[in-house]
Amino acid sequence: MCVIWAKIEMQNEQTIEFSYTFKFPDGAEKSFDVRLDAETGESLLPIPAELPDWTLLDCNRCSHCPLNSVEHPRCPAAVSIIDVIETFREVASIQPVEVHVTSPQRQTSKDGVPLPAAMGALIGARLAASGCPITAKFQPMVRHHLPFATFEEAAYRMVSMHALAQLLRMKAGLEPDWELKELNQLCEDVNTLNMDFARRLRDLHVNDSTTNALSGLDSFVQMVDLSVDDDLLDNLKKLFSAHLEA
């Protein structure tokens, strides 16, 4: 069994770090960091001096990528997970993992997690903070990282994040999206990114653990996307009944 220890610490007022350590049955260990600017949620991890060709923006670039390859020759999402891809490209996805997530506020443990799901927690955080303009709107969620969220938790967090963003837009004099139409579009954009990014990785002939991790993220966001409708709001009315009193 592979063991993962995820340690979440408030390093100082400017920086937040997540440290994931994977421990394999043979005793080998591998650690990955997610280091964020506490105010913006952007990654503070150093960029490797040498970047592989598969990180080039125009190498199987996402169909809806808005970046200019002259100004941005490298895909920020790809650059953010180079070490993850190189580590797990030969690892089979059937390995179960044990996960321990520790922060100053709480400790969470989960046994028997499929390796793609464990990788998905790390990859999702890295992509959101990478500087990719498609995933950047998820920076508030990675700033308050919740590994292995359930479908209900993910849906609640995404809708809450979007609602708070609309309040901030309104106070800034911008048009708010109280109907959640832009949230549905955001989910569709992330679905497209995950599918296109998986094509980039398949050309590397990586093992299925990595592509399955992306597929898991894709399926999860699709479920959230499908749930952001009147049925979700109707289901929440009883829970929010105290807020609905005249």
Protein backbone atom coordinates (compact mmCIF):
# COMPACT_ATOMS: atom_id res chain seq x y z
CA MET A 1 0.00 0.00 0.00
CA CYS A 2 1.18 3.54 -0.82
CA VAL A 3 0.88 6.08 1.98
CA ILE A 4 0.36 9.82 1.41
CA TRP A 5 0.91 12.44 4.08
CA ALA A 6 -0.47 15.86 3.21
CA LYS A 7 0.62 18.61 5.56
CA ILE A 8 -1.04 22.03 5.29
CA GLU A 9 0.70 24.86 7.09
CA MET A 10 0.36 28.62 7.30
CA GLN A 11 4.05 29.41 6.88
CA ASN A 12 3.63 33.17 7.35
CA GLU A 13 1.21 35.89 6.35
CA GLN A 14 2.37 35.80 2.73
CA THR A 15 2.75 32.09 2.02
CA ILE A 16 0.72 28.90 2.37
CA GLU A 17 2.22 25.46 1.71
CA PHE A 18 0.81 21.99 1.15
CA SER A 19 3.30 19.14 1.34
CA TYR A 20 2.26 15.76 -0.10
CA THR A 21 4.50 12.78 0.68
CA PHE A 22 3.84 9.51 -1.15
CA LYS A 23 5.18 6.37 0.55
CA PHE A 24 5.19 3.23 -1.56
CA PRO A 25 5.09 -0.45 -0.48
CA ASP A 26 8.81 -0.85 -1.21
CA GLY A 27 9.63 1.95 1.23
CA ALA A 28 10.36 4.58 -1.42
CA GLU A 29 9.06 8.09 -0.73
CA LYS A 30 8.37 11.09 -2.93
CA SER A 31 7.28 14.55 -1.80
CA PHE A 32 5.54 17.33 -3.72
CA ASP A 33 4.92 20.90 -2.61
CA VAL A 34 2.18 23.38 -3.40
CA ARG A 35 3.33 26.84 -2.35
CA LEU A 36 0.86 29.71 -2.68
CA ASP A 37 0.75 33.44 -2.31
CA ALA A 38 -1.73 33.76 0.55
CA GLU A 39 -3.40 36.85 -0.94
CA THR A 40 -3.77 35.75 -4.57
CA GLY A 41 -3.66 31.94 -4.47
CA GLU A 42 -0.98 31.97 -7.20
CA SER A 43 1.83 29.44 -7.15
CA LEU A 44 5.17 30.50 -5.71
CA LEU A 45 7.00 27.32 -6.73
CA PRO A 46 10.18 27.92 -8.77
CA ILE A 47 10.04 27.07 -12.47
CA PRO A 48 12.60 24.39 -13.49
CA ALA A 49 15.55 25.65 -15.50
CA GLU A 50 15.03 22.98 -18.16
CA LEU A 51 11.53 22.40 -19.47
CA PRO A 52 10.54 19.38 -21.60
CA ASP A 53 9.07 19.91 -25.05
CA TRP A 54 5.64 18.66 -23.97
CA THR A 55 5.23 21.86 -21.90
CA LEU A 56 5.32 24.04 -25.03
CA LEU A 57 2.03 25.92 -25.31
CA ASP A 58 1.50 24.82 -28.92
CA CYS A 59 2.11 21.14 -28.11
CA ASN A 60 -1.45 19.79 -28.14
CA ARG A 61 -2.65 23.10 -26.74
CA CYS A 62 -6.15 23.26 -25.32
CA SER A 63 -8.74 24.16 -27.93
CA HIS A 64 -9.99 27.17 -25.92
CA CYS A 65 -6.63 28.43 -24.62
CA PRO A 66 -6.57 32.26 -24.80
CA LEU A 67 -2.80 32.63 -24.40
CA ASN A 68 -0.46 33.90 -27.12
CA SER A 69 2.43 31.49 -27.71
CA VAL A 70 4.78 34.38 -28.44
CA GLU A 71 4.18 35.95 -25.04
CA HIS A 72 3.64 32.61 -23.28
CA PRO A 73 5.74 29.93 -24.99
CA ARG A 74 5.03 27.39 -22.24
CA CYS A 75 1.72 26.04 -20.97
CA PRO A 76 1.55 27.15 -17.32
CA ALA A 77 -0.60 24.17 -16.37
CA ALA A 78 1.90 21.74 -17.87
CA VAL A 79 4.86 23.44 -16.21
CA SER A 80 3.13 23.21 -12.83
CA ILE A 81 3.01 19.39 -12.82
CA ILE A 82 6.29 18.39 -14.52
CA ASP A 83 7.59 16.65 -11.41
CA VAL A 84 4.28 14.83 -10.84
CA ILE A 85 4.18 13.54 -14.42
CA GLU A 86 7.81 12.43 -14.45
CA THR A 87 7.39 10.61 -11.13
CA PHE A 88 4.21 8.73 -11.93
CA ARG A 89 4.48 8.15 -15.68
CA GLU A 90 5.45 4.50 -15.06
CA VAL A 91 3.29 3.83 -12.00
CA ALA A 92 0.23 1.59 -12.32
CA SER A 93 -3.06 3.13 -11.26
CA ILE A 94 -4.27 0.08 -9.31
CA GLN A 95 -2.14 0.87 -6.26
CA PRO A 96 -4.28 1.81 -3.22
CA VAL A 97 -3.09 4.63 -1.01
CA GLU A 98 -3.57 5.78 2.55
CA VAL A 99 -3.96 9.53 2.91
CA HIS A 100 -3.32 11.71 5.96
CA VAL A 101 -4.08 15.43 5.64
CA THR A 102 -2.84 17.62 8.48
CA SER A 103 -3.29 21.33 9.09
CA PRO A 104 -3.04 23.54 12.18
CA GLN A 105 -6.86 23.33 12.39
CA ARG A 106 -7.52 19.63 11.74
CA GLN A 107 -6.24 16.21 10.68
CA THR A 108 -8.04 13.99 8.18
CA SER A 109 -7.22 10.40 7.25
CA LYS A 110 -8.60 8.17 4.51
CA ASP A 111 -7.60 4.59 3.70
CA GLY A 112 -7.70 2.66 0.43
CA VAL A 113 -7.82 5.67 -1.91
CA PRO A 114 -7.13 4.75 -5.57
CA LEU A 115 -3.87 6.30 -6.73
CA PRO A 116 -5.57 8.40 -9.49
CA ALA A 117 -7.84 10.00 -6.87
CA ALA A 118 -4.86 10.76 -4.64
CA MET A 119 -2.97 12.27 -7.56
CA GLY A 120 -6.07 14.20 -8.58
CA ALA A 121 -6.04 16.12 -5.29
CA LEU A 122 -2.46 17.24 -5.91
CA ILE A 123 -2.88 17.91 -9.64
CA GLY A 124 -6.07 19.89 -9.08
CA ALA A 125 -4.33 22.18 -6.60
CA ARG A 126 -1.30 22.63 -8.84
CA LEU A 127 -3.40 23.46 -11.94
CA ALA A 128 -5.58 25.98 -10.11
CA ALA A 129 -2.53 27.90 -8.89
CA SER A 130 -0.48 27.51 -12.07
CA GLY A 131 -1.36 30.78 -13.80
CA CYS A 132 -3.53 29.08 -16.42
CA PRO A 133 -6.29 31.60 -17.24
CA ILE A 134 -8.88 28.79 -17.43
CA THR A 135 -8.21 27.40 -13.96
CA ALA A 136 -7.34 30.73 -12.29
CA LYS A 137 -10.92 31.24 -11.08
CA PHE A 138 -10.43 28.24 -8.80
CA GLN A 139 -7.61 29.96 -6.90
CA PRO A 140 -9.93 30.88 -3.99
CA MET A 141 -10.70 27.17 -3.55
CA VAL A 142 -7.07 26.05 -3.60
CA ARG A 143 -6.29 28.87 -1.16
CA HIS A 144 -8.64 26.98 1.20
CA HIS A 145 -7.68 23.53 -0.02
CA LEU A 146 -9.94 20.56 0.81
CA PRO A 147 -8.38 17.33 -0.49
CA PHE A 148 -10.76 14.53 -1.54
CA ALA A 149 -13.92 16.59 -1.23
CA THR A 150 -17.16 14.72 -1.80
CA PHE A 151 -19.45 15.69 -4.67
CA GLU A 152 -21.77 17.56 -2.29
CA GLU A 153 -18.84 19.42 -0.69
CA ALA A 154 -17.37 20.35 -4.06
CA ALA A 155 -20.71 21.62 -5.36
CA TYR A 156 -21.31 23.69 -2.22
CA ARG A 157 -17.79 25.14 -2.28
CA MET A 158 -17.95 26.03 -5.97
CA VAL A 159 -21.36 27.70 -5.72
CA SER A 160 -20.31 29.55 -2.56
CA MET A 161 -17.08 30.72 -4.21
CA HIS A 162 -18.98 31.93 -7.25
CA ALA A 163 -21.60 33.74 -5.15
CA LEU A 164 -18.90 35.55 -3.16
CA ALA A 165 -17.17 36.48 -6.41
CA GLN A 166 -20.40 38.04 -7.67
CA LEU A 167 -20.73 40.09 -4.48
CA LEU A 168 -17.19 41.38 -4.99
CA ARG A 169 -17.98 42.13 -8.65
CA MET A 170 -21.08 44.10 -7.64
CA LYS A 171 -19.13 46.13 -5.08
CA ALA A 172 -16.50 46.84 -7.75
CA GLY A 173 -19.19 48.22 -10.08
CA LEU A 174 -19.20 45.17 -12.36
CA GLU A 175 -22.19 43.14 -13.53
CA PRO A 176 -22.80 40.21 -11.13
CA ASP A 177 -23.95 36.76 -12.28
CA TRP A 178 -26.59 35.87 -9.72
CA GLU A 179 -28.13 33.29 -12.08
CA LEU A 180 -24.91 31.17 -12.00
CA LYS A 181 -24.73 31.08 -15.79
CA GLU A 182 -21.03 31.91 -15.76
CA LEU A 183 -20.39 29.12 -13.25
CA ASN A 184 -21.83 26.59 -15.68
CA GLN A 185 -19.57 28.01 -18.39
CA LEU A 186 -16.58 27.78 -16.04
CA CYS A 187 -17.32 24.10 -15.44
CA GLU A 188 -17.58 23.49 -19.19
CA ASP A 189 -14.25 25.27 -19.74
CA VAL A 190 -12.54 23.08 -17.13
CA ASN A 191 -14.06 19.94 -18.64
CA THR A 192 -12.60 20.93 -22.00
CA LEU A 193 -9.22 21.68 -20.46
CA ASN A 194 -9.04 18.30 -18.74
CA MET A 195 -9.90 16.42 -21.94
CA ASP A 196 -7.43 18.40 -24.03
CA PHE A 197 -4.71 18.15 -21.40
CA ALA A 198 -5.17 14.37 -21.23
CA ARG A 199 -4.40 14.29 -24.97
CA ARG A 200 -1.15 16.15 -24.30
CA LEU A 201 -0.17 13.51 -21.74
CA ARG A 202 -1.23 10.53 -23.84
CA ASP A 203 1.35 11.52 -26.44
CA LEU A 204 3.97 11.07 -23.69
CA HIS A 205 2.80 7.46 -23.23
CA VAL A 206 2.37 7.98 -19.49
CA ASN A 207 0.85 5.22 -17.42
CA ASP A 208 -2.87 5.32 -16.78
CA SER A 209 -2.57 6.66 -13.23
CA THR A 210 -2.02 10.21 -14.48
CA THR A 211 -4.62 10.25 -17.25
CA ASN A 212 -7.11 8.62 -14.89
CA ALA A 213 -6.45 11.36 -12.35
CA LEU A 214 -7.40 13.95 -14.97
CA SER A 215 -10.44 11.92 -15.99
CA GLY A 216 -11.54 11.89 -12.36
CA LEU A 217 -11.28 15.67 -12.18
CA ASP A 218 -13.21 15.95 -15.44
CA SER A 219 -16.04 13.67 -14.27
CA PHE A 220 -16.26 15.45 -10.93
CA VAL A 221 -16.57 18.91 -12.48
CA GLN A 222 -19.14 17.56 -14.93
CA MET A 223 -21.27 16.31 -12.02
CA VAL A 224 -20.99 19.68 -10.31
CA ASP A 225 -21.89 21.39 -13.57
CA LEU A 226 -24.99 19.24 -13.97
CA SER A 227 -26.04 19.94 -10.39
CA VAL A 228 -25.89 23.74 -10.62
CA ASP A 229 -29.53 24.17 -11.57
CA ASP A 230 -32.93 24.71 -10.00
CA ASP A 231 -32.88 21.22 -8.48
CA LEU A 232 -29.77 22.07 -6.45
CA LEU A 233 -31.35 25.31 -5.23
CA ASP A 234 -34.60 23.53 -4.34
CA ASN A 235 -32.65 20.94 -2.33
CA LEU A 236 -30.91 23.68 -0.38
CA LYS A 237 -34.04 25.67 0.49
CA LYS A 238 -34.79 23.72 3.68
CA LEU A 239 -31.20 24.01 4.83
CA PHE A 240 -31.32 27.78 4.28
CA SER A 241 -34.86 28.22 5.63
CA ALA A 242 -33.70 30.59 8.39
CA HIS A 243 -32.29 32.90 5.72
CA LEU A 244 -35.54 32.88 3.76
CA GLU A 245 -37.75 34.27 6.51
CA ALA A 246 -39.30 37.67 5.79
